[in-house]
mmCIF file of all heavy atoms, coordinates in Angstrom:
data_MODEL
# 
_entry.id   MODEL 
# 
loop_
_atom_site.group_PDB 
_atom_site.id 
_atom_site.type_symbol 
_atom_site.label_atom_id 
_atom_site.label_alt_id 
_atom_site.label_comp_id 
_atom_site.label_asym_id 
_atom_site.label_entity_id 
_atom_site.label_seq_id 
_atom_site.pdbx_PDB_ins_code 
_atom_site.Cartn_x 
_atom_site.Cartn_y 
_atom_site.Cartn_z 
_atom_site.occupancy 
_atom_site.B_iso_or_equiv 
_atom_site.pdbx_formal_charge 
_atom_site.auth_seq_id 
_atom_site.auth_comp_id 
_atom_site.auth_asym_id 
_atom_site.auth_atom_id 
_atom_site.pdbx_PDB_model_num 
ATOM 1   N N   . SER A 1 1  ? -2.056  -6.335  -2.741 1.00 0.00 ? 1  SER A N   1 
ATOM 2   C CA  . SER A 1 1  ? -0.592  -6.176  -2.548 1.00 0.00 ? 1  SER A CA  1 
ATOM 3   C C   . SER A 1 1  ? -0.259  -5.950  -1.071 1.00 0.00 ? 1  SER A C   1 
ATOM 4   O O   . SER A 1 1  ? -0.941  -5.271  -0.380 1.00 0.00 ? 1  SER A O   1 
ATOM 5   C CB  . SER A 1 1  ? -0.096  -4.969  -3.360 1.00 0.00 ? 1  SER A CB  1 
ATOM 6   O OG  . SER A 1 1  ? -0.269  -5.172  -4.745 1.00 0.00 ? 1  SER A OG  1 
ATOM 7   N N   . THR A 1 2  ? 0.786   -6.637  -0.637 1.00 0.00 ? 2  THR A N   1 
ATOM 8   C CA  . THR A 1 2  ? 1.147   -6.629  0.774  1.00 0.00 ? 2  THR A CA  1 
ATOM 9   C C   . THR A 1 2  ? 2.586   -6.094  0.948  1.00 0.00 ? 2  THR A C   1 
ATOM 10  O O   . THR A 1 2  ? 3.411   -6.144  -0.009 1.00 0.00 ? 2  THR A O   1 
ATOM 11  C CB  . THR A 1 2  ? 1.014   -7.967  1.426  1.00 0.00 ? 2  THR A CB  1 
ATOM 12  O OG1 . THR A 1 2  ? 1.875   -8.899  0.756  1.00 0.00 ? 2  THR A OG1 1 
ATOM 13  C CG2 . THR A 1 2  ? -0.372  -8.515  1.397  1.00 0.00 ? 2  THR A CG2 1 
ATOM 14  N N   . TYR A 1 3  ? 2.832   -5.568  2.118  1.00 0.00 ? 3  TYR A N   1 
ATOM 15  C CA  . TYR A 1 3  ? 4.140   -5.126  2.535  1.00 0.00 ? 3  TYR A CA  1 
ATOM 16  C C   . TYR A 1 3  ? 4.411   -5.380  4.004  1.00 0.00 ? 3  TYR A C   1 
ATOM 17  O O   . TYR A 1 3  ? 3.480   -5.200  4.823  1.00 0.00 ? 3  TYR A O   1 
ATOM 18  C CB  . TYR A 1 3  ? 4.309   -3.598  2.271  1.00 0.00 ? 3  TYR A CB  1 
ATOM 19  C CG  . TYR A 1 3  ? 5.535   -3.080  2.879  1.00 0.00 ? 3  TYR A CG  1 
ATOM 20  C CD1 . TYR A 1 3  ? 6.805   -3.212  2.304  1.00 0.00 ? 3  TYR A CD1 1 
ATOM 21  C CD2 . TYR A 1 3  ? 5.566   -2.458  4.148  1.00 0.00 ? 3  TYR A CD2 1 
ATOM 22  C CE1 . TYR A 1 3  ? 7.949   -2.767  2.882  1.00 0.00 ? 3  TYR A CE1 1 
ATOM 23  C CE2 . TYR A 1 3  ? 6.701   -1.974  4.741  1.00 0.00 ? 3  TYR A CE2 1 
ATOM 24  C CZ  . TYR A 1 3  ? 7.904   -2.145  4.067  1.00 0.00 ? 3  TYR A CZ  1 
ATOM 25  O OH  . TYR A 1 3  ? 9.055   -1.703  4.703  1.00 0.00 ? 3  TYR A OH  1 
ATOM 26  N N   . TYR A 1 4  ? 5.599   -5.822  4.276  1.00 0.00 ? 4  TYR A N   1 
ATOM 27  C CA  . TYR A 1 4  ? 6.041   -6.073  5.657  1.00 0.00 ? 4  TYR A CA  1 
ATOM 28  C C   . TYR A 1 4  ? 7.450   -5.553  5.881  1.00 0.00 ? 4  TYR A C   1 
ATOM 29  O O   . TYR A 1 4  ? 8.318   -5.715  5.003  1.00 0.00 ? 4  TYR A O   1 
ATOM 30  C CB  . TYR A 1 4  ? 6.089   -7.601  5.953  1.00 0.00 ? 4  TYR A CB  1 
ATOM 31  C CG  . TYR A 1 4  ? 4.809   -8.371  5.618  1.00 0.00 ? 4  TYR A CG  1 
ATOM 32  C CD1 . TYR A 1 4  ? 4.686   -8.920  4.376  1.00 0.00 ? 4  TYR A CD1 1 
ATOM 33  C CD2 . TYR A 1 4  ? 3.778   -8.482  6.539  1.00 0.00 ? 4  TYR A CD2 1 
ATOM 34  C CE1 . TYR A 1 4  ? 3.471   -9.649  4.048  1.00 0.00 ? 4  TYR A CE1 1 
ATOM 35  C CE2 . TYR A 1 4  ? 2.626   -9.167  6.260  1.00 0.00 ? 4  TYR A CE2 1 
ATOM 36  C CZ  . TYR A 1 4  ? 2.514   -9.786  5.031  1.00 0.00 ? 4  TYR A CZ  1 
ATOM 37  O OH  . TYR A 1 4  ? 1.369   -10.514 4.741  1.00 0.00 ? 4  TYR A OH  1 
ATOM 38  N N   . PRO A 1 5  ? 7.750   -4.950  7.032  1.00 0.00 ? 5  PRO A N   1 
ATOM 39  C CA  . PRO A 1 5  ? 9.095   -4.566  7.285  1.00 0.00 ? 5  PRO A CA  1 
ATOM 40  C C   . PRO A 1 5  ? 9.851   -5.831  7.629  1.00 0.00 ? 5  PRO A C   1 
ATOM 41  O O   . PRO A 1 5  ? 9.338   -6.878  7.952  1.00 0.00 ? 5  PRO A O   1 
ATOM 42  C CB  . PRO A 1 5  ? 8.963   -3.659  8.518  1.00 0.00 ? 5  PRO A CB  1 
ATOM 43  C CG  . PRO A 1 5  ? 7.701   -4.112  9.178  1.00 0.00 ? 5  PRO A CG  1 
ATOM 44  C CD  . PRO A 1 5  ? 6.752   -4.552  8.084  1.00 0.00 ? 5  PRO A CD  1 
ATOM 45  N N   . GLY A 1 6  ? 11.209  -5.659  7.565  1.00 0.00 ? 6  GLY A N   1 
ATOM 46  C CA  . GLY A 1 6  ? 12.073  -6.840  7.838  1.00 0.00 ? 6  GLY A CA  1 
ATOM 47  C C   . GLY A 1 6  ? 11.872  -7.451  9.200  1.00 0.00 ? 6  GLY A C   1 
ATOM 48  O O   . GLY A 1 6  ? 12.098  -8.698  9.326  1.00 0.00 ? 6  GLY A O   1 
ATOM 49  N N   . SER A 1 7  ? 11.484  -6.697  10.185 1.00 0.00 ? 7  SER A N   1 
ATOM 50  C CA  . SER A 1 7  ? 11.372  -7.252  11.523 1.00 0.00 ? 7  SER A CA  1 
ATOM 51  C C   . SER A 1 7  ? 10.296  -8.319  11.708 1.00 0.00 ? 7  SER A C   1 
ATOM 52  O O   . SER A 1 7  ? 10.334  -9.104  12.618 1.00 0.00 ? 7  SER A O   1 
ATOM 53  C CB  . SER A 1 7  ? 11.121  -6.067  12.511 1.00 0.00 ? 7  SER A CB  1 
ATOM 54  O OG  . SER A 1 7  ? 9.947   -5.441  12.180 1.00 0.00 ? 7  SER A OG  1 
ATOM 55  N N   . VAL A 1 8  ? 9.286   -8.297  10.841 1.00 0.00 ? 8  VAL A N   1 
ATOM 56  C CA  . VAL A 1 8  ? 8.195   -9.262  10.947 1.00 0.00 ? 8  VAL A CA  1 
ATOM 57  C C   . VAL A 1 8  ? 7.972   -10.127 9.698  1.00 0.00 ? 8  VAL A C   1 
ATOM 58  O O   . VAL A 1 8  ? 7.181   -11.040 9.714  1.00 0.00 ? 8  VAL A O   1 
ATOM 59  C CB  . VAL A 1 8  ? 6.851   -8.582  11.276 1.00 0.00 ? 8  VAL A CB  1 
ATOM 60  C CG1 . VAL A 1 8  ? 7.014   -7.626  12.484 1.00 0.00 ? 8  VAL A CG1 1 
ATOM 61  C CG2 . VAL A 1 8  ? 6.337   -7.751  10.055 1.00 0.00 ? 8  VAL A CG2 1 
ATOM 62  N N   . LYS A 1 9  ? 8.741   -9.816  8.648  1.00 0.00 ? 9  LYS A N   1 
ATOM 63  C CA  . LYS A 1 9  ? 8.563   -10.550 7.382  1.00 0.00 ? 9  LYS A CA  1 
ATOM 64  C C   . LYS A 1 9  ? 8.812   -12.047 7.641  1.00 0.00 ? 9  LYS A C   1 
ATOM 65  O O   . LYS A 1 9  ? 9.776   -12.411 8.402  1.00 0.00 ? 9  LYS A O   1 
ATOM 66  C CB  . LYS A 1 9  ? 9.487   -9.993  6.332  1.00 0.00 ? 9  LYS A CB  1 
ATOM 67  C CG  . LYS A 1 9  ? 9.203   -10.467 4.914  1.00 0.00 ? 9  LYS A CG  1 
ATOM 68  C CD  . LYS A 1 9  ? 10.072  -9.765  3.945  1.00 0.00 ? 9  LYS A CD  1 
ATOM 69  C CE  . LYS A 1 9  ? 9.734   -10.215 2.497  1.00 0.00 ? 9  LYS A CE  1 
ATOM 70  N NZ  . LYS A 1 9  ? 10.580  -9.523  1.516  1.00 0.00 ? 9  LYS A NZ  1 
ATOM 71  N N   . ASP A 1 10 ? 8.027   -12.866 7.031  1.00 0.00 ? 10 ASP A N   1 
ATOM 72  C CA  . ASP A 1 10 ? 8.037   -14.344 7.156  1.00 0.00 ? 10 ASP A CA  1 
ATOM 73  C C   . ASP A 1 10 ? 7.474   -14.863 8.505  1.00 0.00 ? 10 ASP A C   1 
ATOM 74  O O   . ASP A 1 10 ? 7.436   -16.071 8.733  1.00 0.00 ? 10 ASP A O   1 
ATOM 75  C CB  . ASP A 1 10 ? 9.485   -14.888 7.008  1.00 0.00 ? 10 ASP A CB  1 
ATOM 76  C CG  . ASP A 1 10 ? 10.071  -14.610 5.640  1.00 0.00 ? 10 ASP A CG  1 
ATOM 77  O OD1 . ASP A 1 10 ? 9.310   -14.523 4.681  1.00 0.00 ? 10 ASP A OD1 1 
ATOM 78  O OD2 . ASP A 1 10 ? 11.291  -14.392 5.597  1.00 0.00 ? 10 ASP A OD2 1 
ATOM 79  N N   . ARG A 1 11 ? 7.089   -13.932 9.344  1.00 0.00 ? 11 ARG A N   1 
ATOM 80  C CA  . ARG A 1 11 ? 6.457   -14.286 10.621 1.00 0.00 ? 11 ARG A CA  1 
ATOM 81  C C   . ARG A 1 11 ? 4.990   -13.857 10.719 1.00 0.00 ? 11 ARG A C   1 
ATOM 82  O O   . ARG A 1 11 ? 4.047   -14.525 11.222 1.00 0.00 ? 11 ARG A O   1 
ATOM 83  C CB  . ARG A 1 11 ? 7.160   -13.810 11.845 1.00 0.00 ? 11 ARG A CB  1 
ATOM 84  C CG  . ARG A 1 11 ? 8.563   -14.288 11.952 1.00 0.00 ? 11 ARG A CG  1 
ATOM 85  C CD  . ARG A 1 11 ? 9.168   -13.923 13.309 1.00 0.00 ? 11 ARG A CD  1 
ATOM 86  N NE  . ARG A 1 11 ? 9.233   -12.498 13.558 1.00 0.00 ? 11 ARG A NE  1 
ATOM 87  C CZ  . ARG A 1 11 ? 8.648   -11.844 14.535 1.00 0.00 ? 11 ARG A CZ  1 
ATOM 88  N NH1 . ARG A 1 11 ? 7.939   -12.532 15.438 1.00 0.00 ? 11 ARG A NH1 1 
ATOM 89  N NH2 . ARG A 1 11 ? 8.758   -10.523 14.643 1.00 0.00 ? 11 ARG A NH2 1 
ATOM 90  N N   . PHE A 1 12 ? 4.703   -12.655 10.097 1.00 0.00 ? 12 PHE A N   1 
ATOM 91  C CA  . PHE A 1 12 ? 3.362   -12.066 10.108 1.00 0.00 ? 12 PHE A CA  1 
ATOM 92  C C   . PHE A 1 12 ? 2.756   -12.183 8.726  1.00 0.00 ? 12 PHE A C   1 
ATOM 93  O O   . PHE A 1 12 ? 3.403   -12.003 7.723  1.00 0.00 ? 12 PHE A O   1 
ATOM 94  C CB  . PHE A 1 12 ? 3.372   -10.599 10.515 1.00 0.00 ? 12 PHE A CB  1 
ATOM 95  C CG  . PHE A 1 12 ? 3.755   -10.388 11.970 1.00 0.00 ? 12 PHE A CG  1 
ATOM 96  C CD1 . PHE A 1 12 ? 4.220   -11.380 12.829 1.00 0.00 ? 12 PHE A CD1 1 
ATOM 97  C CD2 . PHE A 1 12 ? 3.647   -9.068  12.469 1.00 0.00 ? 12 PHE A CD2 1 
ATOM 98  C CE1 . PHE A 1 12 ? 4.483   -11.149 14.128 1.00 0.00 ? 12 PHE A CE1 1 
ATOM 99  C CE2 . PHE A 1 12 ? 3.910   -8.859  13.860 1.00 0.00 ? 12 PHE A CE2 1 
ATOM 100 C CZ  . PHE A 1 12 ? 4.399   -9.861  14.634 1.00 0.00 ? 12 PHE A CZ  1 
ATOM 101 N N   . THR A 1 13 ? 1.420   -12.391 8.700  1.00 0.00 ? 13 THR A N   1 
ATOM 102 C CA  . THR A 1 13 ? 0.717   -12.419 7.428  1.00 0.00 ? 13 THR A CA  1 
ATOM 103 C C   . THR A 1 13 ? -0.569  -11.614 7.519  1.00 0.00 ? 13 THR A C   1 
ATOM 104 O O   . THR A 1 13 ? -1.362  -11.854 8.431  1.00 0.00 ? 13 THR A O   1 
ATOM 105 C CB  . THR A 1 13 ? 0.391   -13.853 7.016  1.00 0.00 ? 13 THR A CB  1 
ATOM 106 O OG1 . THR A 1 13 ? 1.540   -14.637 6.872  1.00 0.00 ? 13 THR A OG1 1 
ATOM 107 C CG2 . THR A 1 13 ? -0.353  -13.854 5.678  1.00 0.00 ? 13 THR A CG2 1 
ATOM 108 N N   . ILE A 1 14 ? -0.725  -10.644 6.601  1.00 0.00 ? 14 ILE A N   1 
ATOM 109 C CA  . ILE A 1 14 ? -1.967  -9.830  6.584  1.00 0.00 ? 14 ILE A CA  1 
ATOM 110 C C   . ILE A 1 14 ? -2.823  -10.303 5.467  1.00 0.00 ? 14 ILE A C   1 
ATOM 111 O O   . ILE A 1 14 ? -2.364  -10.734 4.388  1.00 0.00 ? 14 ILE A O   1 
ATOM 112 C CB  . ILE A 1 14 ? -1.576  -8.346  6.434  1.00 0.00 ? 14 ILE A CB  1 
ATOM 113 C CG1 . ILE A 1 14 ? -2.825  -7.418  6.600  1.00 0.00 ? 14 ILE A CG1 1 
ATOM 114 C CG2 . ILE A 1 14 ? -0.941  -8.041  5.074  1.00 0.00 ? 14 ILE A CG2 1 
ATOM 115 C CD1 . ILE A 1 14 ? -2.462  -5.974  6.669  1.00 0.00 ? 14 ILE A CD1 1 
ATOM 116 N N   . SER A 1 15 ? -4.128  -10.310 5.756  1.00 0.00 ? 15 SER A N   1 
ATOM 117 C CA  . SER A 1 15 ? -5.122  -10.665 4.732  1.00 0.00 ? 15 SER A CA  1 
ATOM 118 C C   . SER A 1 15 ? -6.430  -9.814  4.957  1.00 0.00 ? 15 SER A C   1 
ATOM 119 O O   . SER A 1 15 ? -6.609  -9.310  6.011  1.00 0.00 ? 15 SER A O   1 
ATOM 120 C CB  . SER A 1 15 ? -5.456  -12.158 4.853  1.00 0.00 ? 15 SER A CB  1 
ATOM 121 O OG  . SER A 1 15 ? -5.941  -12.504 6.052  1.00 0.00 ? 15 SER A OG  1 
ATOM 122 N N   . MET A 1 16 ? -7.138  -9.675  3.897  1.00 0.00 ? 16 MET A N   1 
ATOM 123 C CA  . MET A 1 16 ? -8.333  -8.845  3.895  1.00 0.00 ? 16 MET A CA  1 
ATOM 124 C C   . MET A 1 16 ? -9.485  -9.552  3.285  1.00 0.00 ? 16 MET A C   1 
ATOM 125 O O   . MET A 1 16 ? -9.369  -10.196 2.250  1.00 0.00 ? 16 MET A O   1 
ATOM 126 C CB  . MET A 1 16 ? -8.029  -7.466  3.226  1.00 0.00 ? 16 MET A CB  1 
ATOM 127 C CG  . MET A 1 16 ? -9.140  -6.448  3.344  1.00 0.00 ? 16 MET A CG  1 
ATOM 128 S SD  . MET A 1 16 ? -8.596  -4.796  2.885  1.00 0.00 ? 16 MET A SD  1 
ATOM 129 C CE  . MET A 1 16 ? -8.192  -4.971  1.183  1.00 0.00 ? 16 MET A CE  1 
ATOM 130 N N   . ASP A 1 17 ? -10.622 -9.356  3.963  1.00 0.00 ? 17 ASP A N   1 
ATOM 131 C CA  . ASP A 1 17 ? -11.930 -9.869  3.435  1.00 0.00 ? 17 ASP A CA  1 
ATOM 132 C C   . ASP A 1 17 ? -12.700 -8.658  3.046  1.00 0.00 ? 17 ASP A C   1 
ATOM 133 O O   . ASP A 1 17 ? -13.291 -7.934  3.854  1.00 0.00 ? 17 ASP A O   1 
ATOM 134 C CB  . ASP A 1 17 ? -12.672 -10.664 4.534  1.00 0.00 ? 17 ASP A CB  1 
ATOM 135 C CG  . ASP A 1 17 ? -13.953 -11.264 3.986  1.00 0.00 ? 17 ASP A CG  1 
ATOM 136 O OD1 . ASP A 1 17 ? -14.590 -10.709 3.088  1.00 0.00 ? 17 ASP A OD1 1 
ATOM 137 O OD2 . ASP A 1 17 ? -14.363 -12.319 4.589  1.00 0.00 ? 17 ASP A OD2 1 
ATOM 138 N N   . ASP A 1 18 ? -12.729 -8.355  1.716  1.00 0.00 ? 18 ASP A N   1 
ATOM 139 C CA  . ASP A 1 18 ? -13.393 -7.127  1.232  1.00 0.00 ? 18 ASP A CA  1 
ATOM 140 C C   . ASP A 1 18 ? -14.851 -7.084  1.578  1.00 0.00 ? 18 ASP A C   1 
ATOM 141 O O   . ASP A 1 18 ? -15.393 -6.022  1.940  1.00 0.00 ? 18 ASP A O   1 
ATOM 142 C CB  . ASP A 1 18 ? -13.244 -7.126  -0.313 1.00 0.00 ? 18 ASP A CB  1 
ATOM 143 C CG  . ASP A 1 18 ? -11.839 -6.882  -0.730 1.00 0.00 ? 18 ASP A CG  1 
ATOM 144 O OD1 . ASP A 1 18 ? -11.035 -6.487  0.068  1.00 0.00 ? 18 ASP A OD1 1 
ATOM 145 O OD2 . ASP A 1 18 ? -11.544 -7.088  -1.942 1.00 0.00 ? 18 ASP A OD2 1 
ATOM 146 N N   . ALA A 1 19 ? -15.501 -8.228  1.464  1.00 0.00 ? 19 ALA A N   1 
ATOM 147 C CA  . ALA A 1 19 ? -16.913 -8.224  1.639  1.00 0.00 ? 19 ALA A CA  1 
ATOM 148 C C   . ALA A 1 19 ? -17.318 -7.898  3.108  1.00 0.00 ? 19 ALA A C   1 
ATOM 149 O O   . ALA A 1 19 ? -18.395 -7.333  3.370  1.00 0.00 ? 19 ALA A O   1 
ATOM 150 C CB  . ALA A 1 19 ? -17.491 -9.614  1.349  1.00 0.00 ? 19 ALA A CB  1 
ATOM 151 N N   . LYS A 1 20 ? -16.386 -8.190  3.987  1.00 0.00 ? 20 LYS A N   1 
ATOM 152 C CA  . LYS A 1 20 ? -16.675 -7.897  5.445  1.00 0.00 ? 20 LYS A CA  1 
ATOM 153 C C   . LYS A 1 20 ? -15.922 -6.695  5.994  1.00 0.00 ? 20 LYS A C   1 
ATOM 154 O O   . LYS A 1 20 ? -16.060 -6.411  7.112  1.00 0.00 ? 20 LYS A O   1 
ATOM 155 C CB  . LYS A 1 20 ? -16.269 -9.158  6.279  1.00 0.00 ? 20 LYS A CB  1 
ATOM 156 C CG  . LYS A 1 20 ? -17.055 -10.399 5.956  1.00 0.00 ? 20 LYS A CG  1 
ATOM 157 C CD  . LYS A 1 20 ? -16.627 -11.593 6.781  1.00 0.00 ? 20 LYS A CD  1 
ATOM 158 C CE  . LYS A 1 20 ? -17.407 -12.833 6.461  1.00 0.00 ? 20 LYS A CE  1 
ATOM 159 N NZ  . LYS A 1 20 ? -16.987 -14.004 7.336  1.00 0.00 ? 20 LYS A NZ  1 
ATOM 160 N N   . ASN A 1 21 ? -15.270 -5.981  5.074  1.00 0.00 ? 21 ASN A N   1 
ATOM 161 C CA  . ASN A 1 21 ? -14.424 -4.829  5.559  1.00 0.00 ? 21 ASN A CA  1 
ATOM 162 C C   . ASN A 1 21 ? -13.580 -5.219  6.775  1.00 0.00 ? 21 ASN A C   1 
ATOM 163 O O   . ASN A 1 21 ? -13.491 -4.509  7.724  1.00 0.00 ? 21 ASN A O   1 
ATOM 164 C CB  . ASN A 1 21 ? -15.345 -3.661  5.897  1.00 0.00 ? 21 ASN A CB  1 
ATOM 165 C CG  . ASN A 1 21 ? -15.848 -2.971  4.640  1.00 0.00 ? 21 ASN A CG  1 
ATOM 166 O OD1 . ASN A 1 21 ? -15.470 -3.240  3.539  1.00 0.00 ? 21 ASN A OD1 1 
ATOM 167 N ND2 . ASN A 1 21 ? -16.774 -2.006  4.865  1.00 0.00 ? 21 ASN A ND2 1 
ATOM 168 N N   . THR A 1 22 ? -12.947 -6.356  6.633  1.00 0.00 ? 22 THR A N   1 
ATOM 169 C CA  . THR A 1 22 ? -12.176 -6.924  7.748  1.00 0.00 ? 22 THR A CA  1 
ATOM 170 C C   . THR A 1 22 ? -10.785 -7.247  7.306  1.00 0.00 ? 22 THR A C   1 
ATOM 171 O O   . THR A 1 22 ? -10.529 -7.732  6.188  1.00 0.00 ? 22 THR A O   1 
ATOM 172 C CB  . THR A 1 22 ? -12.884 -8.212  8.246  1.00 0.00 ? 22 THR A CB  1 
ATOM 173 O OG1 . THR A 1 22 ? -14.171 -7.876  8.718  1.00 0.00 ? 22 THR A OG1 1 
ATOM 174 C CG2 . THR A 1 22 ? -12.040 -8.805  9.379  1.00 0.00 ? 22 THR A CG2 1 
ATOM 175 N N   . VAL A 1 23 ? -9.810  -6.905  8.184  1.00 0.00 ? 23 VAL A N   1 
ATOM 176 C CA  . VAL A 1 23 ? -8.424  -7.280  7.911  1.00 0.00 ? 23 VAL A CA  1 
ATOM 177 C C   . VAL A 1 23 ? -7.937  -8.151  9.083  1.00 0.00 ? 23 VAL A C   1 
ATOM 178 O O   . VAL A 1 23 ? -8.360  -7.936  10.224 1.00 0.00 ? 23 VAL A O   1 
ATOM 179 C CB  . VAL A 1 23 ? -7.555  -6.046  7.710  1.00 0.00 ? 23 VAL A CB  1 
ATOM 180 C CG1 . VAL A 1 23 ? -7.473  -5.229  9.011  1.00 0.00 ? 23 VAL A CG1 1 
ATOM 181 C CG2 . VAL A 1 23 ? -6.203  -6.431  7.219  1.00 0.00 ? 23 VAL A CG2 1 
ATOM 182 N N   . TYR A 1 24 ? -7.099  -9.107  8.780  1.00 0.00 ? 24 TYR A N   1 
ATOM 183 C CA  . TYR A 1 24 ? -6.541  -9.994  9.767  1.00 0.00 ? 24 TYR A CA  1 
ATOM 184 C C   . TYR A 1 24 ? -5.051  -9.901  9.780  1.00 0.00 ? 24 TYR A C   1 
ATOM 185 O O   . TYR A 1 24 ? -4.406  -9.575  8.809  1.00 0.00 ? 24 TYR A O   1 
ATOM 186 C CB  . TYR A 1 24 ? -6.914  -11.514 9.447  1.00 0.00 ? 24 TYR A CB  1 
ATOM 187 C CG  . TYR A 1 24 ? -8.429  -11.706 9.280  1.00 0.00 ? 24 TYR A CG  1 
ATOM 188 C CD1 . TYR A 1 24 ? -8.990  -11.689 8.023  1.00 0.00 ? 24 TYR A CD1 1 
ATOM 189 C CD2 . TYR A 1 24 ? -9.246  -11.848 10.362 1.00 0.00 ? 24 TYR A CD2 1 
ATOM 190 C CE1 . TYR A 1 24 ? -10.321 -11.914 7.857  1.00 0.00 ? 24 TYR A CE1 1 
ATOM 191 C CE2 . TYR A 1 24 ? -10.564 -12.123 10.200 1.00 0.00 ? 24 TYR A CE2 1 
ATOM 192 C CZ  . TYR A 1 24 ? -11.149 -12.100 8.962  1.00 0.00 ? 24 TYR A CZ  1 
ATOM 193 O OH  . TYR A 1 24 ? -12.474 -12.272 8.772  1.00 0.00 ? 24 TYR A OH  1 
ATOM 194 N N   . LEU A 1 25 ? -4.479  -10.255 10.922 1.00 0.00 ? 25 LEU A N   1 
ATOM 195 C CA  . LEU A 1 25 ? -3.021  -10.281 11.021 1.00 0.00 ? 25 LEU A CA  1 
ATOM 196 C C   . LEU A 1 25 ? -2.678  -11.556 11.787 1.00 0.00 ? 25 LEU A C   1 
ATOM 197 O O   . LEU A 1 25 ? -2.915  -11.672 12.959 1.00 0.00 ? 25 LEU A O   1 
ATOM 198 C CB  . LEU A 1 25 ? -2.476  -9.078  11.813 1.00 0.00 ? 25 LEU A CB  1 
ATOM 199 C CG  . LEU A 1 25 ? -0.934  -9.037  11.876 1.00 0.00 ? 25 LEU A CG  1 
ATOM 200 C CD1 . LEU A 1 25 ? -0.303  -8.833  10.510 1.00 0.00 ? 25 LEU A CD1 1 
ATOM 201 C CD2 . LEU A 1 25 ? -0.437  -7.963  12.881 1.00 0.00 ? 25 LEU A CD2 1 
ATOM 202 N N   . GLN A 1 26 ? -2.148  -12.512 11.029 1.00 0.00 ? 26 GLN A N   1 
ATOM 203 C CA  . GLN A 1 26 ? -1.711  -13.778 11.637 1.00 0.00 ? 26 GLN A CA  1 
ATOM 204 C C   . GLN A 1 26 ? -0.268  -13.594 12.043 1.00 0.00 ? 26 GLN A C   1 
ATOM 205 O O   . GLN A 1 26 ? 0.633   -13.286 11.228 1.00 0.00 ? 26 GLN A O   1 
ATOM 206 C CB  . GLN A 1 26 ? -1.785  -14.923 10.603 1.00 0.00 ? 26 GLN A CB  1 
ATOM 207 C CG  . GLN A 1 26 ? -1.297  -16.274 11.114 1.00 0.00 ? 26 GLN A CG  1 
ATOM 208 C CD  . GLN A 1 26 ? -2.138  -16.839 12.233 1.00 0.00 ? 26 GLN A CD  1 
ATOM 209 O OE1 . GLN A 1 26 ? -3.382  -16.743 12.201 1.00 0.00 ? 26 GLN A OE1 1 
ATOM 210 N NE2 . GLN A 1 26 ? -1.505  -17.358 13.253 1.00 0.00 ? 26 GLN A NE2 1 
ATOM 211 N N   . MET A 1 27 ? 0.005   -13.831 13.319 1.00 0.00 ? 27 MET A N   1 
ATOM 212 C CA  . MET A 1 27 ? 1.364   -13.610 13.878 1.00 0.00 ? 27 MET A CA  1 
ATOM 213 C C   . MET A 1 27 ? 1.906   -14.888 14.404 1.00 0.00 ? 27 MET A C   1 
ATOM 214 O O   . MET A 1 27 ? 1.255   -15.480 15.299 1.00 0.00 ? 27 MET A O   1 
ATOM 215 C CB  . MET A 1 27 ? 1.308   -12.555 14.978 1.00 0.00 ? 27 MET A CB  1 
ATOM 216 C CG  . MET A 1 27 ? 0.767   -11.207 14.551 1.00 0.00 ? 27 MET A CG  1 
ATOM 217 S SD  . MET A 1 27 ? 0.860   -9.946  15.830 1.00 0.00 ? 27 MET A SD  1 
ATOM 218 C CE  . MET A 1 27 ? -0.284  -10.642 17.066 1.00 0.00 ? 27 MET A CE  1 
ATOM 219 N N   . ASN A 1 28 ? 2.923   -15.380 13.746 1.00 0.00 ? 28 ASN A N   1 
ATOM 220 C CA  . ASN A 1 28 ? 3.590   -16.643 14.208 1.00 0.00 ? 28 ASN A CA  1 
ATOM 221 C C   . ASN A 1 28 ? 4.974   -16.371 14.827 1.00 0.00 ? 28 ASN A C   1 
ATOM 222 O O   . ASN A 1 28 ? 5.581   -15.345 14.544 1.00 0.00 ? 28 ASN A O   1 
ATOM 223 C CB  . ASN A 1 28 ? 3.636   -17.551 13.061 1.00 0.00 ? 28 ASN A CB  1 
ATOM 224 C CG  . ASN A 1 28 ? 2.305   -17.925 12.501 1.00 0.00 ? 28 ASN A CG  1 
ATOM 225 O OD1 . ASN A 1 28 ? 1.328   -18.031 13.198 1.00 0.00 ? 28 ASN A OD1 1 
ATOM 226 N ND2 . ASN A 1 28 ? 2.251   -18.153 11.117 1.00 0.00 ? 28 ASN A ND2 1 
ATOM 227 N N   . SER A 1 29 ? 5.494   -17.389 15.413 1.00 0.00 ? 29 SER A N   1 
ATOM 228 C CA  . SER A 1 29 ? 6.874   -17.290 16.018 1.00 0.00 ? 29 SER A CA  1 
ATOM 229 C C   . SER A 1 29 ? 7.095   -15.956 16.773 1.00 0.00 ? 29 SER A C   1 
ATOM 230 O O   . SER A 1 29 ? 8.069   -15.298 16.588 1.00 0.00 ? 29 SER A O   1 
ATOM 231 C CB  . SER A 1 29 ? 7.882   -17.400 14.854 1.00 0.00 ? 29 SER A CB  1 
ATOM 232 O OG  . SER A 1 29 ? 7.754   -18.616 14.161 1.00 0.00 ? 29 SER A OG  1 
# 
């Protein structure tokens, strides 16, 4: 489940790789 505040919604995307204990943040625009 993900959550974004309005200031970044539709521009930022968070994803997680459980196996690697890694989280990513893709930031566009």
